[in-house]
Amino acid sequence: MTFSSRFCDIALIARADGFRHMGDSFRDGNAWRNVGQLVVLLAVIAALIAIPWALSVAVKAAERRANRSPGRLFRELCRVHGLKASSRRLLMRIAQSHSIEHPAAVFLMSECFAAEKLPSTLAAQNVEIAAMREKLFGVDSD
C-alpha cells in the first residue's frame, strides 16, 4: 500500500465518524416530532399552491359566467352607444317583434329597423326607430 492510498483510507474513516450520529434524532421518540413538523410543512406548501390555484379557477369561472350573459351584453352595448332607457325599451320591443332570442343581436341586424318589417304595434314609433337605425348603423331608413 502506498502512502496516498493509506491517507485516503484514513480520511474516509475520519469522515465516517461524522455520519455516525446522523440517526440520533430518530431515537427516543424524536422521530415522531420530526414527522409532525414535516406534515405541517407539507400542509403549508400544499396550501400555498392550492389557494392561488382555487382563486384562479374561481375567477375564470366568474369571467365565463359574466361573458355569457346576453342581458349584460345588451346593457353594455346600449351604454356604449349612449342609448337612454326609452331607447333600450324600444330596442327590446324590436327584438321581441322579430322573435330574436338575444336582444343584443339587434345591434347586428339593421334590417330589423326597416319600416316594412316592423309590426303595426311599433308603427307609431317609426320616427324614433329610423333615428335609432341612423345612430347605430349610419344607414338612412329610406
C-alpha atoms as a PDB file:
ATOM      1  CA  MET A   1       0.000   0.000   0.000  1.00  0.00           C
ATOM      2  CA  THR A   2       1.229   3.436  -0.851  1.00  0.00           C
ATOM      3  CA  PHE A   3       1.147   6.462   1.308  1.00  0.00           C
ATOM      4  CA  SER A   4      -1.595   8.146  -0.736  1.00  0.00           C
ATOM      5  CA  SER A   5      -3.943   5.159  -0.580  1.00  0.00           C
ATOM      6  CA  ARG A   6      -3.392   4.870   3.176  1.00  0.00           C
ATOM      7  CA  PHE A   7      -4.107   8.577   3.556  1.00  0.00           C
ATOM      8  CA  CYS A   8      -7.369   8.183   1.599  1.00  0.00           C
ATOM      9  CA  ASP A   9      -8.432   5.301   3.826  1.00  0.00           C
ATOM     10  CA  ILE A  10      -7.755   7.339   6.956  1.00  0.00           C
ATOM     11  CA  ALA A  11      -9.603  10.333   5.518  1.00  0.00           C
ATOM     12  CA  LEU A  12     -12.669   8.198   4.712  1.00  0.00           C
ATOM     13  CA  ILE A  13     -12.691   6.663   8.170  1.00  0.00           C
ATOM     14  CA  ALA A  14     -12.446  10.128   9.708  1.00  0.00           C
ATOM     15  CA  ARG A  15     -15.346  11.355   7.631  1.00  0.00           C
ATOM     16  CA  ALA A  16     -17.412   8.294   8.508  1.00  0.00           C
ATOM     17  CA  ASP A  17     -17.285   9.408  12.119  1.00  0.00           C
ATOM     18  CA  GLY A  18     -19.417  12.411  11.162  1.00  0.00           C
ATOM     19  CA  PHE A  19     -22.102  10.147   9.737  1.00  0.00           C
ATOM     20  CA  ARG A  20     -22.216   8.020  12.849  1.00  0.00           C
ATOM     21  CA  HIS A  21     -24.563  10.401  14.700  1.00  0.00           C
ATOM     22  CA  MET A  22     -26.902  11.163  11.798  1.00  0.00           C
ATOM     23  CA  GLY A  23     -29.722   8.949  13.026  1.00  0.00           C
ATOM     24  CA  ASP A  24     -29.598  10.090  16.653  1.00  0.00           C
ATOM     25  CA  SER A  25     -32.610  12.373  16.220  1.00  0.00           C
ATOM     26  CA  PHE A  26     -34.713   9.363  15.213  1.00  0.00           C
ATOM     27  CA  ARG A  27     -34.143   7.669  18.541  1.00  0.00           C
ATOM     28  CA  ASP A  28     -36.059   8.180  21.788  1.00  0.00           C
ATOM     29  CA  GLY A  29     -39.332   9.399  20.158  1.00  0.00           C
ATOM     30  CA  ASN A  30     -37.764  12.368  18.365  1.00  0.00           C
ATOM     31  CA  ALA A  31     -38.714  10.811  15.051  1.00  0.00           C
ATOM     32  CA  TRP A  32     -42.413  11.425  15.622  1.00  0.00           C
ATOM     33  CA  ARG A  33     -41.841  15.067  16.436  1.00  0.00           C
ATOM     34  CA  ASN A  34     -39.896  15.475  13.197  1.00  0.00           C
ATOM     35  CA  VAL A  35     -42.619  13.683  11.216  1.00  0.00           C
ATOM     36  CA  GLY A  36     -45.175  16.052  12.714  1.00  0.00           C
ATOM     37  CA  GLN A  37     -43.121  19.032  11.634  1.00  0.00           C
ATOM     38  CA  LEU A  38     -42.776  17.517   8.178  1.00  0.00           C
ATOM     39  CA  VAL A  39     -46.548  17.066   7.920  1.00  0.00           C
ATOM     40  CA  VAL A  40     -47.122  20.688   8.937  1.00  0.00           C
ATOM     41  CA  LEU A  41     -44.548  21.854   6.406  1.00  0.00           C
ATOM     42  CA  LEU A  42     -46.146  19.796   3.641  1.00  0.00           C
ATOM     43  CA  ALA A  43     -49.596  21.145   4.581  1.00  0.00           C
ATOM     44  CA  VAL A  44     -48.340  24.742   4.380  1.00  0.00           C
ATOM     45  CA  ILE A  45     -46.743  24.093   0.993  1.00  0.00           C
ATOM     46  CA  ALA A  46     -49.933  22.442  -0.265  1.00  0.00           C
ATOM     47  CA  ALA A  47     -51.989  25.415   0.941  1.00  0.00           C
ATOM     48  CA  LEU A  48     -49.621  27.865  -0.738  1.00  0.00           C
ATOM     49  CA  ILE A  49     -50.162  26.020  -4.002  1.00  0.00           C
ATOM     50  CA  ALA A  50     -53.866  25.220  -3.642  1.00  0.00           C
ATOM     51  CA  ILE A  51     -55.159  28.649  -2.590  1.00  0.00           C
ATOM     52  CA  PRO A  52     -53.898  30.607  -5.634  1.00  0.00           C
ATOM     53  CA  TRP A  53     -54.990  27.772  -7.925  1.00  0.00           C
ATOM     54  CA  ALA A  54     -58.504  27.731  -6.428  1.00  0.00           C
ATOM     55  CA  LEU A  55     -58.742  31.513  -6.718  1.00  0.00           C
ATOM     56  CA  SER A  56     -57.696  31.452 -10.367  1.00  0.00           C
ATOM     57  CA  VAL A  57     -60.266  28.751 -11.130  1.00  0.00           C
ATOM     58  CA  ALA A  58     -62.980  30.770  -9.376  1.00  0.00           C
ATOM     59  CA  VAL A  59     -62.058  33.987 -11.205  1.00  0.00           C
ATOM     60  CA  LYS A  60     -62.036  32.237 -14.585  1.00  0.00           C
ATOM     61  CA  ALA A  61     -65.436  30.673 -13.870  1.00  0.00           C
ATOM     62  CA  ALA A  62     -66.862  34.068 -12.887  1.00  0.00           C
ATOM     63  CA  GLU A  63     -65.483  35.619 -16.071  1.00  0.00           C
ATOM     64  CA  ARG A  64     -67.049  32.869 -18.175  1.00  0.00           C
ATOM     65  CA  ARG A  65     -70.424  33.396 -16.496  1.00  0.00           C
ATOM     66  CA  ALA A  66     -70.186  37.167 -16.945  1.00  0.00           C
ATOM     67  CA  ASN A  67     -69.231  36.849 -20.613  1.00  0.00           C
ATOM     68  CA  ARG A  68     -72.175  34.555 -21.343  1.00  0.00           C
ATOM     69  CA  SER A  69     -74.830  36.950 -20.119  1.00  0.00           C
ATOM     70  CA  PRO A  70     -76.925  38.200 -23.062  1.00  0.00           C
ATOM     71  CA  GLY A  71     -78.621  40.751 -20.825  1.00  0.00           C
ATOM     72  CA  ARG A  72     -75.306  42.191 -19.717  1.00  0.00           C
ATOM     73  CA  LEU A  73     -74.112  42.371 -23.323  1.00  0.00           C
ATOM     74  CA  PHE A  74     -77.296  44.197 -24.343  1.00  0.00           C
ATOM     75  CA  ARG A  75     -76.929  46.718 -21.482  1.00  0.00           C
ATOM     76  CA  GLU A  76     -73.242  47.255 -22.289  1.00  0.00           C
ATOM     77  CA  LEU A  77     -73.987  47.860 -25.979  1.00  0.00           C
ATOM     78  CA  CYS A  78     -76.719  50.331 -25.051  1.00  0.00           C
ATOM     79  CA  ARG A  79     -74.328  52.125 -22.709  1.00  0.00           C
ATOM     80  CA  VAL A  80     -71.558  52.284 -25.319  1.00  0.00           C
ATOM     81  CA  HIS A  81     -73.979  53.701 -27.904  1.00  0.00           C
ATOM     82  CA  GLY A  82     -75.332  56.239 -25.399  1.00  0.00           C
ATOM     83  CA  LEU A  83     -78.915  54.982 -25.517  1.00  0.00           C
ATOM     84  CA  LYS A  84     -81.372  56.146 -22.883  1.00  0.00           C
ATOM     85  CA  ALA A  85     -83.869  53.933 -21.081  1.00  0.00           C
ATOM     86  CA  SER A  86     -86.656  54.692 -23.576  1.00  0.00           C
ATOM     87  CA  SER A  87     -84.413  53.680 -26.484  1.00  0.00           C
ATOM     88  CA  ARG A  88     -83.439  50.492 -24.657  1.00  0.00           C
ATOM     89  CA  ARG A  89     -87.081  49.563 -24.190  1.00  0.00           C
ATOM     90  CA  LEU A  90     -87.754  50.279 -27.868  1.00  0.00           C
ATOM     91  CA  LEU A  91     -84.826  48.050 -28.896  1.00  0.00           C
ATOM     92  CA  MET A  92     -86.200  45.286 -26.691  1.00  0.00           C
ATOM     93  CA  ARG A  93     -89.599  45.620 -28.352  1.00  0.00           C
ATOM     94  CA  ILE A  94     -87.964  45.471 -31.805  1.00  0.00           C
ATOM     95  CA  ALA A  95     -86.086  42.297 -30.795  1.00  0.00           C
ATOM     96  CA  GLN A  96     -89.292  40.742 -29.439  1.00  0.00           C
ATOM     97  CA  SER A  97     -91.251  41.648 -32.562  1.00  0.00           C
ATOM     98  CA  HIS A  98     -88.714  39.766 -34.684  1.00  0.00           C
ATOM     99  CA  SER A  99     -88.536  36.850 -32.192  1.00  0.00           C
ATOM    100  CA  ILE A 100     -84.838  37.433 -31.585  1.00  0.00           C
ATOM    101  CA  GLU A 101     -83.686  35.302 -28.667  1.00  0.00           C
ATOM    102  CA  HIS A 102     -80.861  37.598 -27.560  1.00  0.00           C
ATOM    103  CA  PRO A 103     -81.766  41.296 -27.758  1.00  0.00           C
ATOM    104  CA  ALA A 104     -78.125  42.276 -28.335  1.00  0.00           C
ATOM    105  CA  ALA A 105     -78.422  40.738 -31.815  1.00  0.00           C
ATOM    106  CA  VAL A 106     -80.434  43.782 -32.992  1.00  0.00           C
ATOM    107  CA  PHE A 107     -77.123  45.695 -32.920  1.00  0.00           C
ATOM    108  CA  LEU A 108     -76.030  43.463 -35.814  1.00  0.00           C
ATOM    109  CA  MET A 109     -79.247  43.404 -37.818  1.00  0.00           C
ATOM    110  CA  SER A 110     -80.068  46.728 -39.441  1.00  0.00           C
ATOM    111  CA  GLU A 111     -82.894  45.063 -41.384  1.00  0.00           C
ATOM    112  CA  CYS A 112     -84.886  44.761 -38.121  1.00  0.00           C
ATOM    113  CA  PHE A 113     -85.323  48.552 -38.204  1.00  0.00           C
ATOM    114  CA  ALA A 114     -86.849  48.690 -41.690  1.00  0.00           C
ATOM    115  CA  ALA A 115     -90.339  50.189 -41.538  1.00  0.00           C
ATOM    116  CA  GLU A 116     -91.822  47.478 -43.768  1.00  0.00           C
ATOM    117  CA  LYS A 117     -90.584  44.733 -41.411  1.00  0.00           C
ATOM    118  CA  LEU A 118     -91.922  46.317 -38.219  1.00  0.00           C
ATOM    119  CA  PRO A 119     -95.261  45.219 -36.771  1.00  0.00           C
ATOM    120  CA  SER A 120     -98.153  47.667 -36.638  1.00  0.00           C
ATOM    121  CA  THR A 121     -97.720  47.989 -32.860  1.00  0.00           C
ATOM    122  CA  LEU A 122     -94.438  49.844 -33.486  1.00  0.00           C
ATOM    123  CA  ALA A 123     -95.707  51.961 -36.381  1.00  0.00           C
ATOM    124  CA  ALA A 124     -96.356  54.926 -34.098  1.00  0.00           C
ATOM    125  CA  GLN A 125     -92.660  54.990 -33.192  1.00  0.00           C
ATOM    126  CA  ASN A 126     -91.410  54.837 -36.756  1.00  0.00           C
ATOM    127  CA  VAL A 127     -89.601  58.185 -36.473  1.00  0.00           C
ATOM    128  CA  GLU A 128     -87.712  57.115 -33.293  1.00  0.00           C
ATOM    129  CA  ILE A 129     -86.835  53.767 -34.875  1.00  0.00           C
ATOM    130  CA  ALA A 130     -85.457  55.454 -38.006  1.00  0.00           C
ATOM    131  CA  ALA A 131     -83.374  57.820 -35.856  1.00  0.00           C
ATOM    132  CA  MET A 132     -82.044  54.868 -33.856  1.00  0.00           C
ATOM    133  CA  ARG A 133     -81.157  52.985 -37.048  1.00  0.00           C
ATOM    134  CA  GLU A 134     -79.253  56.022 -38.258  1.00  0.00           C
ATOM    135  CA  LYS A 135     -77.444  56.313 -34.913  1.00  0.00           C
ATOM    136  CA  LEU A 136     -76.498  52.627 -34.672  1.00  0.00           C
ATOM    137  CA  PHE A 137     -75.744  51.806 -38.300  1.00  0.00           C
ATOM    138  CA  GLY A 138     -75.305  55.141 -40.050  1.00  0.00           C
ATOM    139  CA  VAL A 139     -77.914  53.932 -42.549  1.00  0.00           C
ATOM    140  CA  ASP A 140     -80.704  56.195 -43.663  1.00  0.00           C
ATOM    141  CA  SER A 141     -84.085  54.490 -43.352  1.00  0.00           C
ATOM    142  CA  ASP A 142     -85.086  55.477 -46.902  1.00  0.00           C
END
